[in-house]
Amino acid sequence: MARISPWIWYGALLLAGAVLWTIVRLFPAGLPMFLPWEFHWVEFLATFLALGWFGRGLSLLPPAQRPAPWRQACFVLGVLSFYIVLQTRIDYYAQHLFFAHRWAHFVLHHAGAFLIAMGMGGEALFAGMPDFLKPLALARPVRAGMNFLQHPAIAPVLFVGLLYFWLIPAIHTRVMLDENLYTLMNWTMAINGVMFWSLVLDSRPKPPARLSHLMRALMILLIELPQMVLGAILSLSMTDFYPVYNICGRVVEMTPLNDQHYGGLIIWLPGTLTSFAAMIVVLVTMRLNEEKAERERDVADPRHAGSTL
């Protein structure tokens, strides 16, 4: 059976997006929770192009080069988690409750990005994307930008810095009242999360991975304490730092301080647990790579097999 032309698939995707956009525009208040509160083409296309290219890439790659099934599941779940917080009714709650906003950003910056990084889907994505886009992905400015953003001295500062920056009260107030800035905030958190966790959770040894396992563990420690401090400040403070949610109108009855305290706890506890999970992944990865290196050495030189120090 002949394969369906990719252009037919792209056309079907655009048609589905147009139908969804029309439904959201005509019936904004009567839609179920799983449909968008506000439809955005960029988020819609980014989600389903990523999933489509990933699936196509898996079919093109030799079996030995495909990520394990559990990694494939991680990638798909991570991408879908981004879609859920950005393109369902959850986004409405995130615009009207501080703690819902923190849950959304926990997914974008931590949990969902963590899953995407664990999926190790870069090779499949590259194989599945259209040929005319591949030179752009390999262009020197793109590679230089990624090398800079994933530099071990830059990555942890940027990871924590963006978290703090978007929660500066004056900036947060401005962002929550401006749709363009709100979208920019979400995208920077999502992209930064994926880039950081992809750097830390790379299953390969160095080289070809950018960092040694020791450096990865150090980066996890560097981001953990500032998150705990920020979470503790917001969850224990008796000052309402974000009155903008009084302006937007809370959709659940709760006091501003309770809303802020719950949001601080989300930064403090789930954020810390994500760092612990990353540390476990790094330690397991280090051990697996050591065992693989030992097996390869034994195959290359049988005299070392079964030797002890």
Protein backbone atom coordinates (compact mmCIF):
# COMPACT_ATOMS: atom_id res chain seq x y z
CA MET A 1 0.00 0.00 0.00
CA ALA A 2 1.39 3.40 -0.97
CA ARG A 3 2.10 5.81 1.81
CA ILE A 4 -0.08 8.87 2.20
CA SER A 5 1.68 11.97 0.90
CA PRO A 6 2.98 14.20 3.73
CA TRP A 7 1.32 17.16 2.05
CA ILE A 8 -2.09 15.49 2.36
CA TRP A 9 -1.37 15.07 6.08
CA TYR A 10 -0.36 18.74 6.39
CA GLY A 11 -3.55 19.75 4.61
CA ALA A 12 -5.65 17.64 6.98
CA LEU A 13 -3.87 19.22 9.95
CA LEU A 14 -4.61 22.73 8.68
CA LEU A 15 -8.24 21.78 8.06
CA ALA A 16 -8.55 20.37 11.60
CA GLY A 17 -7.02 23.55 13.00
CA ALA A 18 -9.41 25.72 10.99
CA VAL A 19 -12.42 23.74 12.25
CA LEU A 20 -11.21 23.99 15.84
CA TRP A 21 -10.53 27.72 15.48
CA THR A 22 -14.06 28.26 14.11
CA ILE A 23 -15.70 26.25 16.90
CA VAL A 24 -13.80 28.16 19.59
CA ARG A 25 -14.69 31.50 18.03
CA LEU A 26 -18.41 30.66 17.68
CA PHE A 27 -19.00 28.82 20.97
CA PRO A 28 -16.41 30.10 23.47
CA ALA A 29 -18.49 29.47 26.59
CA GLY A 30 -20.15 26.18 25.73
CA LEU A 31 -17.20 23.92 25.00
CA PRO A 32 -15.91 21.00 27.08
CA MET A 33 -12.78 21.41 29.15
CA PHE A 34 -10.53 19.48 26.75
CA LEU A 35 -11.05 22.03 23.96
CA PRO A 36 -9.08 25.30 23.85
CA TRP A 37 -10.10 28.28 25.91
CA GLU A 38 -8.35 30.46 23.33
CA PHE A 39 -7.17 28.72 20.16
CA HIS A 40 -3.59 29.52 19.12
CA TRP A 41 -2.24 28.30 15.80
CA VAL A 42 1.39 28.22 16.94
CA GLU A 43 0.74 25.89 19.88
CA PHE A 44 -1.59 23.71 17.80
CA LEU A 45 0.84 23.31 14.91
CA ALA A 46 3.89 22.89 17.16
CA THR A 47 2.18 20.04 19.01
CA PHE A 48 0.91 18.03 16.09
CA LEU A 49 3.84 18.71 13.77
CA ALA A 50 6.19 17.49 16.51
CA LEU A 51 4.11 14.34 17.03
CA GLY A 52 3.75 13.77 13.28
CA TRP A 53 7.45 14.24 12.56
CA PHE A 54 8.34 12.03 15.49
CA GLY A 55 6.09 9.23 14.26
CA ARG A 56 7.37 9.55 10.69
CA GLY A 57 10.96 9.59 11.90
CA LEU A 58 10.43 6.39 13.88
CA SER A 59 9.21 4.66 10.73
CA LEU A 60 12.27 5.85 8.77
CA LEU A 61 14.98 5.08 11.34
CA PRO A 62 16.52 1.60 11.56
CA PRO A 63 15.20 -0.29 14.61
CA ALA A 64 18.57 -0.03 16.36
CA GLN A 65 18.44 3.79 16.20
CA ARG A 66 14.90 4.19 17.51
CA PRO A 67 14.41 5.16 21.16
CA ALA A 68 13.04 2.41 23.38
CA PRO A 69 9.24 2.15 23.55
CA TRP A 70 9.17 3.63 27.06
CA ARG A 71 11.17 6.61 25.80
CA GLN A 72 8.75 7.03 22.89
CA ALA A 73 5.88 7.08 25.40
CA CYS A 74 7.71 9.70 27.50
CA PHE A 75 8.15 11.96 24.47
CA VAL A 76 4.51 11.71 23.41
CA LEU A 77 3.22 12.29 26.95
CA GLY A 78 5.53 15.29 27.38
CA VAL A 79 4.36 16.94 24.16
CA LEU A 80 0.71 16.26 24.99
CA SER A 81 1.20 17.71 28.49
CA PHE A 82 2.33 20.98 26.89
CA TYR A 83 -0.78 20.99 24.71
CA ILE A 84 -3.03 20.33 27.71
CA VAL A 85 -1.80 23.30 29.75
CA LEU A 86 -1.64 25.66 26.77
CA GLN A 87 -4.64 24.69 24.66
CA THR A 88 -7.38 23.44 26.97
CA ARG A 89 -9.58 25.09 29.58
CA ILE A 90 -6.69 24.68 32.04
CA ASP A 91 -5.15 27.77 30.42
CA TYR A 92 -8.22 29.72 31.52
CA TYR A 93 -7.67 28.70 35.14
CA ALA A 94 -3.97 29.55 34.84
CA GLN A 95 -4.95 33.10 33.87
CA HIS A 96 -7.24 33.49 36.90
CA LEU A 97 -5.50 31.60 39.73
CA PHE A 98 -1.90 31.94 40.79
CA PHE A 99 -1.58 28.35 41.97
CA ALA A 100 -3.09 27.05 38.68
CA HIS A 101 -0.59 29.24 36.85
CA ARG A 102 2.23 27.64 38.87
CA TRP A 103 0.95 24.15 38.04
CA ALA A 104 0.95 25.06 34.34
CA HIS A 105 4.50 26.34 34.54
CA PHE A 106 5.55 23.29 36.54
CA VAL A 107 4.45 21.21 33.54
CA LEU A 108 6.14 23.50 31.00
CA HIS A 109 9.39 23.99 32.89
CA HIS A 110 9.67 20.73 34.83
CA ALA A 111 7.40 17.70 34.38
CA GLY A 112 6.51 17.93 30.69
CA ALA A 113 9.97 19.12 29.67
CA PHE A 114 11.47 16.33 31.81
CA LEU A 115 9.40 13.73 29.91
CA ILE A 116 10.35 15.17 26.52
CA ALA A 117 14.02 15.07 27.49
CA MET A 118 13.69 11.47 28.69
CA GLY A 119 12.15 10.63 25.32
CA MET A 120 15.43 11.30 23.49
CA GLY A 121 13.38 12.11 20.40
CA GLY A 122 15.75 14.50 18.63
CA GLU A 123 17.03 12.01 16.06
CA ALA A 124 13.52 10.79 15.18
CA LEU A 125 12.24 14.37 14.91
CA PHE A 126 15.07 15.32 12.58
CA ALA A 127 14.53 12.22 10.43
CA GLY A 128 10.80 12.92 10.16
CA MET A 129 10.83 16.63 9.37
CA PRO A 130 10.65 17.85 5.74
CA ASP A 131 13.98 17.88 3.92
CA PHE A 132 13.83 21.63 3.26
CA LEU A 133 13.81 22.32 7.02
CA LYS A 134 16.81 20.15 7.87
CA PRO A 135 19.47 22.67 6.71
CA LEU A 136 17.79 25.28 8.91
CA ALA A 137 18.05 23.01 11.95
CA LEU A 138 21.73 22.45 11.18
CA ALA A 139 22.51 26.10 10.36
CA ARG A 140 25.50 27.57 12.16
CA PRO A 141 23.53 30.35 13.96
CA VAL A 142 21.06 27.77 15.31
CA ARG A 143 23.82 25.48 16.53
CA ALA A 144 25.75 28.41 18.03
CA GLY A 145 22.64 29.58 19.87
CA MET A 146 21.99 26.13 21.30
CA ASN A 147 25.63 25.75 22.33
CA PHE A 148 25.45 29.06 24.16
CA LEU A 149 22.15 28.34 25.90
CA GLN A 150 23.31 24.85 26.92
CA HIS A 151 26.72 25.97 28.13
CA PRO A 152 27.20 24.62 31.68
CA ALA A 153 27.76 28.15 33.00
CA ILE A 154 24.65 29.53 31.28
CA ALA A 155 22.06 26.76 31.48
CA PRO A 156 21.47 26.66 35.28
CA VAL A 157 21.50 30.46 35.55
CA LEU A 158 18.96 30.75 32.75
CA PHE A 159 16.79 27.97 34.20
CA VAL A 160 16.50 29.63 37.60
CA GLY A 161 16.69 33.16 36.21
CA LEU A 162 13.60 32.77 34.02
CA LEU A 163 11.66 31.32 36.94
CA TYR A 164 12.50 34.34 39.09
CA PHE A 165 12.20 36.89 36.28
CA TRP A 166 8.63 36.06 35.30
CA LEU A 167 7.59 36.12 38.99
CA ILE A 168 8.93 39.60 39.73
CA PRO A 169 5.64 41.20 40.87
CA ALA A 170 5.75 44.23 38.55
CA ILE A 171 6.69 42.12 35.54
CA HIS A 172 4.18 39.39 36.37
CA THR A 173 1.39 41.95 36.60
CA ARG A 174 2.29 43.37 33.17
CA VAL A 175 2.54 39.92 31.61
CA MET A 176 -0.81 38.69 32.93
CA LEU A 177 -2.54 41.70 31.32
CA ASP A 178 -0.83 41.38 27.92
CA GLU A 179 -1.62 38.37 25.72
CA ASN A 180 1.59 38.64 23.68
CA LEU A 181 3.81 38.79 26.77
CA TYR A 182 1.84 35.94 28.32
CA THR A 183 2.52 33.79 25.25
CA LEU A 184 6.19 34.78 25.29
CA MET A 185 6.47 33.80 28.96
CA ASN A 186 4.96 30.37 28.32
CA TRP A 187 7.19 29.67 25.32
CA THR A 188 10.39 30.74 27.06
CA MET A 189 9.61 28.51 30.03
CA ALA A 190 8.78 25.52 27.82
CA ILE A 191 11.80 25.86 25.52
CA ASN A 192 14.18 26.50 28.39
CA GLY A 193 12.83 23.52 30.30
CA VAL A 194 13.32 21.18 27.34
CA MET A 195 16.83 22.47 26.65
CA PHE A 196 17.93 22.23 30.29
CA TRP A 197 16.58 18.76 30.98
CA SER A 198 17.82 17.48 27.62
CA LEU A 199 21.29 18.59 28.66
CA VAL A 200 21.09 17.00 32.11
CA LEU A 201 19.21 13.79 31.25
CA ASP A 202 21.21 12.81 28.16
CA SER A 203 21.68 9.05 28.46
CA ARG A 204 25.02 9.07 26.64
CA PRO A 205 28.45 9.43 28.24
CA LYS A 206 30.73 12.37 27.47
CA PRO A 207 31.52 12.41 24.58
CA PRO A 208 29.20 12.54 22.64
CA ALA A 209 27.11 14.10 25.45
CA ARG A 210 28.02 17.68 26.29
CA LEU A 211 28.51 17.14 30.03
CA SER A 212 30.06 14.58 32.31
CA HIS A 213 27.80 12.92 34.87
CA LEU A 214 29.49 14.86 37.66
CA MET A 215 28.75 18.17 35.94
CA ARG A 216 25.14 17.17 35.44
CA ALA A 217 24.74 16.36 39.12
CA LEU A 218 26.31 19.72 40.01
CA MET A 219 23.87 21.57 37.75
CA ILE A 220 20.94 19.87 39.47
CA LEU A 221 22.22 21.01 42.85
CA LEU A 222 22.70 24.55 41.52
CA ILE A 223 19.06 24.89 40.47
CA GLU A 224 17.53 23.18 43.51
CA LEU A 225 18.31 25.63 46.32
CA PRO A 226 17.10 28.83 44.54
CA GLN A 227 13.79 27.10 43.72
CA MET A 228 13.35 26.04 47.34
CA VAL A 229 14.07 29.60 48.51
CA LEU A 230 11.57 31.14 46.10
CA GLY A 231 8.92 28.58 46.98
CA ALA A 232 9.45 29.14 50.70
CA ILE A 233 9.18 32.93 50.34
CA LEU A 234 5.90 32.74 48.44
CA SER A 235 4.36 30.03 50.60
CA LEU A 236 5.26 31.61 53.94
CA SER A 237 4.91 35.33 53.20
CA MET A 238 1.96 37.28 54.58
CA THR A 239 2.17 39.86 51.77
CA ASP A 240 0.12 39.48 48.60
CA PHE A 241 2.71 39.93 45.85
CA TYR A 242 0.31 39.34 42.95
CA PRO A 243 -2.83 41.51 43.22
CA VAL A 244 -3.23 41.16 39.45
CA TYR A 245 -5.31 38.03 40.12
CA ASN A 246 -7.80 40.23 41.95
CA ILE A 247 -8.05 42.25 38.74
CA CYS A 248 -8.40 39.18 36.51
CA GLY A 249 -10.89 37.67 38.93
CA ARG A 250 -10.32 34.36 40.69
CA VAL A 251 -12.56 31.58 39.40
CA VAL A 252 -12.36 29.71 42.70
CA GLU A 253 -13.23 31.23 46.04
CA MET A 254 -10.04 31.61 48.06
CA THR A 255 -8.10 34.41 49.66
CA PRO A 256 -5.18 35.97 47.77
CA LEU A 257 -2.73 34.69 50.38
CA ASN A 258 -4.03 31.13 50.16
CA ASP A 259 -3.70 31.29 46.40
CA GLN A 260 -0.12 32.56 46.69
CA HIS A 261 0.79 30.04 49.40
CA TYR A 262 -0.41 27.11 47.32
CA GLY A 263 1.53 28.46 44.34
CA GLY A 264 4.68 28.74 46.45
CA LEU A 265 4.28 25.16 47.63
CA ILE A 266 4.12 24.01 44.01
CA ILE A 267 7.46 25.70 43.32
CA TRP A 268 8.91 24.36 46.54
CA LEU A 269 7.80 20.71 46.70
CA PRO A 270 7.14 19.34 43.18
CA GLY A 271 10.06 21.40 41.85
CA THR A 272 12.38 19.89 44.44
CA LEU A 273 11.07 16.39 43.76
CA THR A 274 11.81 16.86 40.05
CA SER A 275 15.41 17.69 40.92
CA PHE A 276 15.62 14.55 43.07
CA ALA A 277 14.24 12.47 40.19
CA ALA A 278 16.79 14.01 37.83
CA MET A 279 19.61 13.18 40.24
CA ILE A 280 18.45 9.54 40.35
CA VAL A 281 18.35 9.42 36.54
CA VAL A 282 21.88 10.84 36.33
CA LEU A 283 23.23 8.31 38.84
CA VAL A 284 21.53 5.38 37.10
CA THR A 285 22.75 6.61 33.71
CA MET A 286 26.30 6.90 35.04
CA ARG A 287 26.23 3.32 36.32
CA LEU A 288 24.76 1.96 33.08
CA ASN A 289 27.39 3.75 31.01
CA GLU A 290 30.15 2.41 33.27
CA GLU A 291 28.85 -1.15 32.87
CA LYS A 292 28.62 -0.70 29.10
CA ALA A 293 32.20 0.59 28.97
CA GLU A 294 33.37 -2.40 31.03
CA ARG A 295 31.66 -4.85 28.67
CA GLU A 296 33.18 -3.17 25.63
CA ARG A 297 36.61 -3.25 27.23
CA ASP A 298 36.22 -6.95 28.05
CA VAL A 299 35.26 -7.68 24.45
CA ALA A 300 38.24 -5.70 23.15
CA ASP A 301 40.65 -7.34 25.61
CA PRO A 302 39.40 -10.64 27.11
CA ARG A 303 42.26 -10.63 29.61
CA HIS A 304 40.36 -7.98 31.63
CA ALA A 305 37.19 -10.10 31.89
CA GLY A 306 36.42 -10.99 35.50
CA SER A 307 39.38 -9.01 36.81
CA THR A 308 39.06 -7.22 40.14
CA LEU A 309 40.92 -4.32 41.64
